[in-house]
Every structure is written in C-alpha cells, then in structure tokens.
Amino acid sequence: MKDPSIQTIRLYDFRHYFATMLFAKTNNILYVKQQMGHKKIETTMTYTQLLENLDPEYVTEATDNTDRAKELSNSGFEYVATTPDKMMLFRKR
C-alpha cells in the first residue's frame, strides 16, 4: 500500500472495469445496462470503447460431437467455425 499510484484509483474506475468486463463476457449491452442501473443505453455504450484497447485472450475447444458442442455453447463458449475435417471450433474469453 506504499505505492502512490494506488491513490489515483477511484471507486468509479472499478465500476467502469466491471461494466467493461461484463460486456466483453456477455456481449449483451442491454444486460450490462440493466446490471449497471443505467436509464439510457448511451451511458452504457461508453463502456464498450474500452474494449478496443483490450488484447483478448481465449480458451479454445474443438469437438466433432454435437452433444459436446451443446455443452460448450451452454457454458459460454462461442462457436467460431467448422474445419474441413468436421471439427467444430469454439472459443471463450
């Protein structure tokens, strides 16, 4: 706690970070708006600008099984593509 830069962090910065990460995770601006308690969508949209500066890191999964593909989709993985050898590719931040 002796680092003077810690004193420059505001509570508002944590709120901003939460909204940015929630949008990055869900990609649902209306859900973020509701979670933040904003009345206007324009207020919530300001948080999406931070995503341009983020370097996304993904966990990837591949499967050729439709049941496993459903599991991945239900657990937050995003479908990316199907390879020529019929492997379905998924990713998650």
PDB file of N, CA and C in Angstrom:
ATOM      1  N   MET A   1       0.818  -1.207   0.000  1.00  0.00           N
ATOM      2  CA  MET A   1       0.000   0.000   0.000  1.00  0.00           C
ATOM      3  C   MET A   1       0.856   1.263   0.000  1.00  0.00           C
ATOM      4  N   LYS A   2       2.149   1.095  -0.125  1.00  0.00           N
ATOM      5  CA  LYS A   2       3.020   2.267  -0.150  1.00  0.00           C
ATOM      6  C   LYS A   2       3.204   2.803  -1.566  1.00  0.00           C
ATOM      7  N   ASP A   3       2.599   2.165  -2.531  1.00  0.00           N
ATOM      8  CA  ASP A   3       2.682   2.616  -3.915  1.00  0.00           C
ATOM      9  C   ASP A   3       1.764   3.826  -4.093  1.00  0.00           C
ATOM     10  N   PRO A   4       2.299   5.004  -4.412  1.00  0.00           N
ATOM     11  CA  PRO A   4       1.464   6.204  -4.523  1.00  0.00           C
ATOM     12  C   PRO A   4       0.465   6.156  -5.680  1.00  0.00           C
ATOM     13  N   SER A   5       0.720   5.299  -6.686  1.00  0.00           N
ATOM     14  CA  SER A   5      -0.217   5.240  -7.822  1.00  0.00           C
ATOM     15  C   SER A   5      -1.558   4.636  -7.408  1.00  0.00           C
ATOM     16  N   ILE A   6      -1.588   3.879  -6.315  1.00  0.00           N
ATOM     17  CA  ILE A   6      -2.858   3.306  -5.836  1.00  0.00           C
ATOM     18  C   ILE A   6      -3.834   4.410  -5.453  1.00  0.00           C
ATOM     19  N   GLN A   7      -3.322   5.508  -4.985  1.00  0.00           N
ATOM     20  CA  GLN A   7      -4.189   6.612  -4.564  1.00  0.00           C
ATOM     21  C   GLN A   7      -4.896   7.273  -5.737  1.00  0.00           C
ATOM     22  N   THR A   8      -4.451   7.019  -6.952  1.00  0.00           N
ATOM     23  CA  THR A   8      -5.100   7.616  -8.124  1.00  0.00           C
ATOM     24  C   THR A   8      -6.294   6.796  -8.604  1.00  0.00           C
ATOM     25  N   ILE A   9      -6.472   5.585  -8.069  1.00  0.00           N
ATOM     26  CA  ILE A   9      -7.598   4.740  -8.469  1.00  0.00           C
ATOM     27  C   ILE A   9      -8.843   5.201  -7.731  1.00  0.00           C
ATOM     28  N   ARG A  10      -9.910   5.429  -8.498  1.00  0.00           N
ATOM     29  CA  ARG A  10     -11.183   5.859  -7.922  1.00  0.00           C
ATOM     30  C   ARG A  10     -12.144   4.676  -7.872  1.00  0.00           C
ATOM     31  N   LEU A  11     -13.123   4.724  -7.006  1.00  0.00           N
ATOM     32  CA  LEU A  11     -14.146   3.678  -6.961  1.00  0.00           C
ATOM     33  C   LEU A  11     -14.876   3.590  -8.289  1.00  0.00           C
ATOM     34  N   TYR A  12     -15.045   4.712  -8.951  1.00  0.00           N
ATOM     35  CA  TYR A  12     -15.681   4.755 -10.265  1.00  0.00           C
ATOM     36  C   TYR A  12     -14.921   3.887 -11.262  1.00  0.00           C
ATOM     37  N   ASP A  13     -13.583   3.817 -11.121  1.00  0.00           N
ATOM     38  CA  ASP A  13     -12.773   3.007 -12.032  1.00  0.00           C
ATOM     39  C   ASP A  13     -13.122   1.528 -11.912  1.00  0.00           C
ATOM     40  N   PHE A  14     -13.432   1.055 -10.708  1.00  0.00           N
ATOM     41  CA  PHE A  14     -13.835  -0.334 -10.519  1.00  0.00           C
ATOM     42  C   PHE A  14     -15.187  -0.597 -11.181  1.00  0.00           C
ATOM     43  N   ARG A  15     -16.081   0.353 -11.086  1.00  0.00           N
ATOM     44  CA  ARG A  15     -17.399   0.237 -11.729  1.00  0.00           C
ATOM     45  C   ARG A  15     -17.235   0.167 -13.246  1.00  0.00           C
ATOM     46  N   HIS A  16     -16.368   1.022 -13.761  1.00  0.00           N
ATOM     47  CA  HIS A  16     -16.096   1.045 -15.194  1.00  0.00           C
ATOM     48  C   HIS A  16     -15.496  -0.289 -15.650  1.00  0.00           C
ATOM     49  N   TYR A  17     -14.572  -0.807 -14.879  1.00  0.00           N
ATOM     50  CA  TYR A  17     -13.931  -2.084 -15.195  1.00  0.00           C
ATOM     51  C   TYR A  17     -14.961  -3.218 -15.186  1.00  0.00           C
ATOM     52  N   PHE A  18     -15.825  -3.233 -14.168  1.00  0.00           N
ATOM     53  CA  PHE A  18     -16.860  -4.271 -14.077  1.00  0.00           C
ATOM     54  C   PHE A  18     -17.737  -4.256 -15.316  1.00  0.00           C
ATOM     55  N   ALA A  19     -18.202  -3.086 -15.712  1.00  0.00           N
ATOM     56  CA  ALA A  19     -19.089  -2.981 -16.878  1.00  0.00           C
ATOM     57  C   ALA A  19     -18.384  -3.415 -18.151  1.00  0.00           C
ATOM     58  N   THR A  20     -17.130  -3.038 -18.299  1.00  0.00           N
ATOM     59  CA  THR A  20     -16.369  -3.409 -19.490  1.00  0.00           C
ATOM     60  C   THR A  20     -16.190  -4.916 -19.577  1.00  0.00           C
ATOM     61  N   MET A  21     -15.803  -5.526 -18.469  1.00  0.00           N
ATOM     62  CA  MET A  21     -15.578  -6.974 -18.461  1.00  0.00           C
ATOM     63  C   MET A  21     -16.888  -7.742 -18.644  1.00  0.00           C
ATOM     64  N   LEU A  22     -17.971  -7.245 -18.067  1.00  0.00           N
ATOM     65  CA  LEU A  22     -19.273  -7.892 -18.227  1.00  0.00           C
ATOM     66  C   LEU A  22     -19.707  -7.856 -19.687  1.00  0.00           C
ATOM     67  N   PHE A  23     -19.496  -6.721 -20.350  1.00  0.00           N
ATOM     68  CA  PHE A  23     -19.853  -6.640 -21.762  1.00  0.00           C
ATOM     69  C   PHE A  23     -18.958  -7.553 -22.599  1.00  0.00           C
ATOM     70  N   ALA A  24     -17.665  -7.602 -22.274  1.00  0.00           N
ATOM     71  CA  ALA A  24     -16.743  -8.470 -23.012  1.00  0.00           C
ATOM     72  C   ALA A  24     -17.145  -9.932 -22.854  1.00  0.00           C
ATOM     73  N   LYS A  25     -17.630 -10.282 -21.683  1.00  0.00           N
ATOM     74  CA  LYS A  25     -18.007 -11.669 -21.415  1.00  0.00           C
ATOM     75  C   LYS A  25     -19.337 -12.042 -22.064  1.00  0.00           C
ATOM     76  N   THR A  26     -20.325 -11.156 -21.963  1.00  0.00           N
ATOM     77  CA  THR A  26     -21.678 -11.496 -22.418  1.00  0.00           C
ATOM     78  C   THR A  26     -21.989 -10.988 -23.819  1.00  0.00           C
ATOM     79  N   ASN A  27     -21.330  -9.904 -24.227  1.00  0.00           N
ATOM     80  CA  ASN A  27     -21.612  -9.246 -25.499  1.00  0.00           C
ATOM     81  C   ASN A  27     -23.090  -8.850 -25.598  1.00  0.00           C
ATOM     82  N   ASN A  28     -23.666  -8.506 -24.454  1.00  0.00           N
ATOM     83  CA  ASN A  28     -25.075  -8.139 -24.376  1.00  0.00           C
ATOM     84  C   ASN A  28     -25.176  -6.790 -23.672  1.00  0.00           C
ATOM     85  N   ILE A  29     -25.265  -5.724 -24.461  1.00  0.00           N
ATOM     86  CA  ILE A  29     -25.251  -4.376 -23.905  1.00  0.00           C
ATOM     87  C   ILE A  29     -26.488  -4.094 -23.061  1.00  0.00           C
ATOM     88  N   LEU A  30     -27.624  -4.700 -23.407  1.00  0.00           N
ATOM     89  CA  LEU A  30     -28.837  -4.478 -22.616  1.00  0.00           C
ATOM     90  C   LEU A  30     -28.722  -5.112 -21.229  1.00  0.00           C
ATOM     91  N   TYR A  31     -28.075  -6.255 -21.141  1.00  0.00           N
ATOM     92  CA  TYR A  31     -27.849  -6.892 -19.849  1.00  0.00           C
ATOM     93  C   TYR A  31     -26.914  -6.032 -18.991  1.00  0.00           C
ATOM     94  N   VAL A  32     -25.863  -5.501 -19.603  1.00  0.00           N
ATOM     95  CA  VAL A  32     -24.944  -4.632 -18.873  1.00  0.00           C
ATOM     96  C   VAL A  32     -25.672  -3.381 -18.396  1.00  0.00           C
ATOM     97  N   LYS A  33     -26.503  -2.806 -19.256  1.00  0.00           N
ATOM     98  CA  LYS A  33     -27.295  -1.625 -18.890  1.00  0.00           C
ATOM     99  C   LYS A  33     -28.149  -1.909 -17.669  1.00  0.00           C
ATOM    100  N   GLN A  34     -28.785  -3.056 -17.655  1.00  0.00           N
ATOM    101  CA  GLN A  34     -29.636  -3.428 -16.533  1.00  0.00           C
ATOM    102  C   GLN A  34     -28.806  -3.642 -15.265  1.00  0.00           C
ATOM    103  N   GLN A  35     -27.665  -4.307 -15.389  1.00  0.00           N
ATOM    104  CA  GLN A  35     -26.807  -4.572 -14.231  1.00  0.00           C
ATOM    105  C   GLN A  35     -26.215  -3.286 -13.644  1.00  0.00           C
ATOM    106  N   MET A  36     -25.944  -2.326 -14.501  1.00  0.00           N
ATOM    107  CA  MET A  36     -25.357  -1.071 -14.049  1.00  0.00           C
ATOM    108  C   MET A  36     -26.410  -0.093 -13.522  1.00  0.00           C
ATOM    109  N   GLY A  37     -27.673  -0.339 -13.847  1.00  0.00           N
ATOM    110  CA  GLY A  37     -28.736   0.550 -13.397  1.00  0.00           C
ATOM    111  C   GLY A  37     -28.839   1.825 -14.217  1.00  0.00           C
ATOM    112  N   HIS A  38     -28.338   1.794 -15.437  1.00  0.00           N
ATOM    113  CA  HIS A  38     -28.412   2.965 -16.304  1.00  0.00           C
ATOM    114  C   HIS A  38     -29.818   3.115 -16.875  1.00  0.00           C
ATOM    115  N   LYS A  39     -30.240   4.354 -17.046  1.00  0.00           N
ATOM    116  CA  LYS A  39     -31.533   4.621 -17.666  1.00  0.00           C
ATOM    117  C   LYS A  39     -31.395   4.731 -19.184  1.00  0.00           C
ATOM    118  N   LYS A  40     -30.236   5.208 -19.637  1.00  0.00           N
ATOM    119  CA  LYS A  40     -30.013   5.406 -21.071  1.00  0.00           C
ATOM    120  C   LYS A  40     -28.958   4.423 -21.578  1.00  0.00           C
ATOM    121  N   ILE A  41     -29.214   3.874 -22.740  1.00  0.00           N
ATOM    122  CA  ILE A  41     -28.259   2.956 -23.363  1.00  0.00           C
ATOM    123  C   ILE A  41     -26.978   3.697 -23.752  1.00  0.00           C
ATOM    124  N   GLU A  42     -27.082   4.988 -24.033  1.00  0.00           N
ATOM    125  CA  GLU A  42     -25.914   5.775 -24.412  1.00  0.00           C
ATOM    126  C   GLU A  42     -24.878   5.803 -23.289  1.00  0.00           C
ATOM    127  N   THR A  43     -25.344   5.842 -22.053  1.00  0.00           N
ATOM    128  CA  THR A  43     -24.432   5.825 -20.910  1.00  0.00           C
ATOM    129  C   THR A  43     -23.663   4.515 -20.875  1.00  0.00           C
ATOM    130  N   THR A  44     -24.355   3.428 -21.115  1.00  0.00           N
ATOM    131  CA  THR A  44     -23.721   2.112 -21.089  1.00  0.00           C
ATOM    132  C   THR A  44     -22.770   1.945 -22.268  1.00  0.00           C
ATOM    133  N   MET A  45     -23.094   2.517 -23.400  1.00  0.00           N
ATOM    134  CA  MET A  45     -22.269   2.372 -24.595  1.00  0.00           C
ATOM    135  C   MET A  45     -20.863   2.942 -24.398  1.00  0.00           C
ATOM    136  N   THR A  46     -20.690   3.872 -23.476  1.00  0.00           N
ATOM    137  CA  THR A  46     -19.353   4.431 -23.257  1.00  0.00           C
ATOM    138  C   THR A  46     -18.382   3.364 -22.781  1.00  0.00           C
ATOM    139  N   TYR A  47     -18.880   2.327 -22.145  1.00  0.00           N
ATOM    140  CA  TYR A  47     -18.006   1.279 -21.634  1.00  0.00           C
ATOM    141  C   TYR A  47     -17.449   0.387 -22.741  1.00  0.00           C
ATOM    142  N   THR A  48     -18.117   0.293 -23.846  1.00  0.00           N
ATOM    143  CA  THR A  48     -17.645  -0.575 -24.925  1.00  0.00           C
ATOM    144  C   THR A  48     -16.402  -0.009 -25.598  1.00  0.00           C
ATOM    145  N   GLN A  49     -16.150   1.276 -25.459  1.00  0.00           N
ATOM    146  CA  GLN A  49     -14.968   1.877 -26.065  1.00  0.00           C
ATOM    147  C   GLN A  49     -13.688   1.331 -25.451  1.00  0.00           C
ATOM    148  N   LEU A  50     -13.740   0.910 -24.205  1.00  0.00           N
ATOM    149  CA  LEU A  50     -12.552   0.359 -23.557  1.00  0.00           C
ATOM    150  C   LEU A  50     -12.131  -0.956 -24.186  1.00  0.00           C
ATOM    151  N   LEU A  51     -13.043  -1.663 -24.795  1.00  0.00           N
ATOM    152  CA  LEU A  51     -12.731  -2.971 -25.368  1.00  0.00           C
ATOM    153  C   LEU A  51     -11.760  -2.870 -26.539  1.00  0.00           C
ATOM    154  N   GLU A  52     -11.687  -1.712 -27.174  1.00  0.00           N
ATOM    155  CA  GLU A  52     -10.771  -1.541 -28.289  1.00  0.00           C
ATOM    156  C   GLU A  52      -9.321  -1.663 -27.827  1.00  0.00           C
ATOM    157  N   ASN A  53      -9.058  -1.344 -26.557  1.00  0.00           N
ATOM    158  CA  ASN A  53      -7.697  -1.366 -26.032  1.00  0.00           C
ATOM    159  C   ASN A  53      -7.325  -2.708 -25.416  1.00  0.00           C
ATOM    160  N   LEU A  54      -8.286  -3.602 -25.269  1.00  0.00           N
ATOM    161  CA  LEU A  54      -8.012  -4.892 -24.653  1.00  0.00           C
ATOM    162  C   LEU A  54      -7.441  -5.866 -25.670  1.00  0.00           C
ATOM    163  N   ASP A  55      -6.488  -6.642 -25.236  1.00  0.00           N
ATOM    164  CA  ASP A  55      -5.944  -7.704 -26.054  1.00  0.00           C
ATOM    165  C   ASP A  55      -6.623  -8.994 -25.594  1.00  0.00           C
ATOM    166  N   PRO A  56      -7.599  -9.480 -26.342  1.00  0.00           N
ATOM    167  CA  PRO A  56      -8.365 -10.627 -25.855  1.00  0.00           C
ATOM    168  C   PRO A  56      -7.536 -11.907 -25.793  1.00  0.00           C
ATOM    169  N   GLU A  57      -7.752 -12.636 -24.732  1.00  0.00           N
ATOM    170  CA  GLU A  57      -7.148 -13.951 -24.580  1.00  0.00           C
ATOM    171  C   GLU A  57      -8.292 -14.953 -24.558  1.00  0.00           C
ATOM    172  N   TYR A  58      -8.140 -16.036 -25.318  1.00  0.00           N
ATOM    173  CA  TYR A  58      -9.210 -17.007 -25.441  1.00  0.00           C
ATOM    174  C   TYR A  58      -8.750 -18.394 -25.013  1.00  0.00           C
ATOM    175  N   VAL A  59      -9.700 -19.131 -24.476  1.00  0.00           N
ATOM    176  CA  VAL A  59      -9.548 -20.563 -24.276  1.00  0.00           C
ATOM    177  C   VAL A  59     -10.271 -21.190 -25.456  1.00  0.00           C
ATOM    178  N   THR A  60      -9.660 -22.124 -26.115  1.00  0.00           N
ATOM    179  CA  THR A  60     -10.288 -22.732 -27.288  1.00  0.00           C
ATOM    180  C   THR A  60     -10.573 -24.209 -27.045  1.00  0.00           C
ATOM    181  N   GLU A  61     -11.608 -24.678 -27.683  1.00  0.00           N
ATOM    182  CA  GLU A  61     -12.004 -26.094 -27.619  1.00  0.00           C
ATOM    183  C   GLU A  61     -12.412 -26.525 -29.017  1.00  0.00           C
ATOM    184  N   ALA A  62     -12.215 -27.783 -29.305  1.00  0.00           N
ATOM    185  CA  ALA A  62     -12.625 -28.356 -30.589  1.00  0.00           C
ATOM    186  C   ALA A  62     -13.314 -29.682 -30.319  1.00  0.00           C
ATOM    187  N   THR A  63     -14.371 -29.949 -31.086  1.00  0.00           N
ATOM    188  CA  THR A  63     -15.088 -31.212 -30.928  1.00  0.00           C
ATOM    189  C   THR A  63     -15.786 -31.570 -32.229  1.00  0.00           C
ATOM    190  N   ASP A  64     -16.008 -32.871 -32.406  1.00  0.00           N
ATOM    191  CA  ASP A  64     -16.817 -33.315 -33.536  1.00  0.00           C
ATOM    192  C   ASP A  64     -18.113 -33.953 -33.032  1.00  0.00           C
ATOM    193  N   ASN A  65     -18.348 -33.842 -31.733  1.00  0.00           N
ATOM    194  CA  ASN A  65     -19.512 -34.424 -31.081  1.00  0.00           C
ATOM    195  C   ASN A  65     -20.555 -33.329 -30.832  1.00  0.00           C
ATOM    196  N   THR A  66     -21.776 -33.522 -31.319  1.00  0.00           N
ATOM    197  CA  THR A  66     -22.800 -32.487 -31.177  1.00  0.00           C
ATOM    198  C   THR A  66     -23.217 -32.272 -29.714  1.00  0.00           C
ATOM    199  N   ASP A  67     -23.229 -33.329 -28.912  1.00  0.00           N
ATOM    200  CA  ASP A  67     -23.570 -33.159 -27.501  1.00  0.00           C
ATOM    201  C   ASP A  67     -22.523 -32.313 -26.790  1.00  0.00           C
ATOM    202  N   ARG A  68     -21.259 -32.555 -27.095  1.00  0.00           N
ATOM    203  CA  ARG A  68     -20.183 -31.757 -26.506  1.00  0.00           C
ATOM    204  C   ARG A  68     -20.257 -30.317 -26.995  1.00  0.00           C
ATOM    205  N   ALA A  69     -20.635 -30.130 -28.243  1.00  0.00           N
ATOM    206  CA  ALA A  69     -20.788 -28.778 -28.794  1.00  0.00           C
ATOM    207  C   ALA A  69     -21.888 -28.026 -28.043  1.00  0.00           C
ATOM    208  N   LYS A  70     -22.976 -28.707 -27.704  1.00  0.00           N
ATOM    209  CA  LYS A  70     -24.055 -28.078 -26.927  1.00  0.00           C
ATOM    210  C   LYS A  70     -23.563 -27.693 -25.541  1.00  0.00           C
ATOM    211  N   GLU A  71     -22.779 -28.587 -24.923  1.00  0.00           N
ATOM    212  CA  GLU A  71     -22.219 -28.299 -23.596  1.00  0.00           C
ATOM    213  C   GLU A  71     -21.332 -27.049 -23.640  1.00  0.00           C
ATOM    214  N   LEU A  72     -20.478 -26.984 -24.646  1.00  0.00           N
ATOM    215  CA  LEU A  72     -19.587 -25.836 -24.779  1.00  0.00           C
ATOM    216  C   LEU A  72     -20.380 -24.553 -24.981  1.00  0.00           C
ATOM    217  N   SER A  73     -21.374 -24.622 -25.838  1.00  0.00           N
ATOM    218  CA  SER A  73     -22.202 -23.452 -26.108  1.00  0.00           C
ATOM    219  C   SER A  73     -22.937 -22.997 -24.854  1.00  0.00           C
ATOM    220  N   ASN A  74     -23.469 -23.944 -24.102  1.00  0.00           N
ATOM    221  CA  ASN A  74     -24.199 -23.609 -22.877  1.00  0.00           C
ATOM    222  C   ASN A  74     -23.290 -23.088 -21.773  1.00  0.00           C
ATOM    223  N   SER A  75     -22.012 -23.410 -21.830  1.00  0.00           N
ATOM    224  CA  SER A  75     -21.093 -22.943 -20.796  1.00  0.00           C
ATOM    225  C   SER A  75     -20.358 -21.665 -21.200  1.00  0.00           C
ATOM    226  N   GLY A  76     -20.853 -20.988 -22.223  1.00  0.00           N
ATOM    227  CA  GLY A  76     -20.321 -19.676 -22.567  1.00  0.00           C
ATOM    228  C   GLY A  76     -19.334 -19.640 -23.712  1.00  0.00           C
ATOM    229  N   PHE A  77     -19.070 -20.776 -24.333  1.00  0.00           N
ATOM    230  CA  PHE A  77     -18.172 -20.776 -25.480  1.00  0.00           C
ATOM    231  C   PHE A  77     -18.903 -20.261 -26.705  1.00  0.00           C
ATOM    232  N   GLU A  78     -18.170 -19.571 -27.542  1.00  0.00           N
ATOM    233  CA  GLU A  78     -18.701 -19.003 -28.780  1.00  0.00           C
ATOM    234  C   GLU A  78     -18.248 -19.878 -29.949  1.00  0.00           C
ATOM    235  N   TYR A  79     -19.192 -20.250 -30.810  1.00  0.00           N
ATOM    236  CA  TYR A  79     -18.861 -21.025 -31.998  1.00  0.00           C
ATOM    237  C   TYR A  79     -18.067 -20.151 -32.954  1.00  0.00           C
ATOM    238  N   VAL A  80     -16.959 -20.695 -33.488  1.00  0.00           N
ATOM    239  CA  VAL A  80     -16.108 -19.935 -34.398  1.00  0.00           C
ATOM    240  C   VAL A  80     -16.246 -20.440 -35.822  1.00  0.00           C
ATOM    241  N   ALA A  81     -16.006 -21.742 -36.039  1.00  0.00           N
ATOM    242  CA  ALA A  81     -16.034 -22.296 -37.393  1.00  0.00           C
ATOM    243  C   ALA A  81     -15.997 -23.811 -37.327  1.00  0.00           C
ATOM    244  N   THR A  82     -16.243 -24.418 -38.470  1.00  0.00           N
ATOM    245  CA  THR A  82     -16.078 -25.860 -38.612  1.00  0.00           C
ATOM    246  C   THR A  82     -14.958 -26.097 -39.606  1.00  0.00           C
ATOM    247  N   THR A  83     -14.011 -26.942 -39.221  1.00  0.00           N
ATOM    248  CA  THR A  83     -12.867 -27.227 -40.077  1.00  0.00           C
ATOM    249  C   THR A  83     -13.273 -28.203 -41.178  1.00  0.00           C
ATOM    250  N   PRO A  84     -12.455 -28.362 -42.211  1.00  0.00           N
ATOM    251  CA  PRO A  84     -12.771 -29.312 -43.286  1.00  0.00           C
ATOM    252  C   PRO A  84     -12.937 -30.756 -42.789  1.00  0.00           C
ATOM    253  N   ASP A  85     -12.280 -31.100 -41.682  1.00  0.00           N
ATOM    254  CA  ASP A  85     -12.433 -32.460 -41.156  1.00  0.00           C
ATOM    255  C   ASP A  85     -13.563 -32.553 -40.125  1.00  0.00           C
ATOM    256  N   LYS A  86     -14.528 -31.619 -40.189  1.00  0.00           N
ATOM    257  CA  LYS A  86     -15.767 -31.627 -39.411  1.00  0.00           C
ATOM    258  C   LYS A  86     -15.572 -31.370 -37.911  1.00  0.00           C
ATOM    259  N   MET A  87     -14.459 -30.731 -37.521  1.00  0.00           N
ATOM    260  CA  MET A  87     -14.248 -30.349 -36.131  1.00  0.00           C
ATOM    261  C   MET A  87     -14.855 -28.959 -35.923  1.00  0.00           C
ATOM    262  N   MET A  88     -15.699 -28.838 -34.903  1.00  0.00           N
ATOM    263  CA  MET A  88     -16.302 -27.548 -34.572  1.00  0.00           C
ATOM    264  C   MET A  88     -15.380 -26.841 -33.581  1.00  0.00           C
ATOM    265  N   LEU A  89     -15.050 -25.592 -33.876  1.00  0.00           N
ATOM    266  CA  LEU A  89     -14.148 -24.811 -33.040  1.00  0.00           C
ATOM    267  C   LEU A  89     -14.937 -23.818 -32.216  1.00  0.00           C
ATOM    268  N   PHE A  90     -14.585 -23.714 -30.940  1.00  0.00           N
ATOM    269  CA  PHE A  90     -15.236 -22.809 -30.002  1.00  0.00           C
ATOM    270  C   PHE A  90     -14.173 -22.003 -29.277  1.00  0.00           C
ATOM    271  N   ARG A  91     -14.553 -20.817 -28.808  1.00  0.00           N
ATOM    272  CA  ARG A  91     -13.647 -20.016 -28.013  1.00  0.00           C
ATOM    273  C   ARG A  91     -14.409 -19.295 -26.910  1.00  0.00           C
ATOM    274  N   LYS A  92     -13.660 -18.957 -25.853  1.00  0.00           N
ATOM    275  CA  LYS A  92     -14.240 -18.260 -24.713  1.00  0.00           C
ATOM    276  C   LYS A  92     -13.164 -17.376 -24.121  1.00  0.00           C
ATOM    277  N   ARG A  93     -13.513 -16.144 -23.784  1.00  0.00           N
ATOM    278  CA  ARG A  93     -12.537 -15.228 -23.180  1.00  0.00           C
ATOM    279  C   ARG A  93     -12.116 -15.763 -21.837  1.00  0.00           C
TER     280      ARG A  93
END
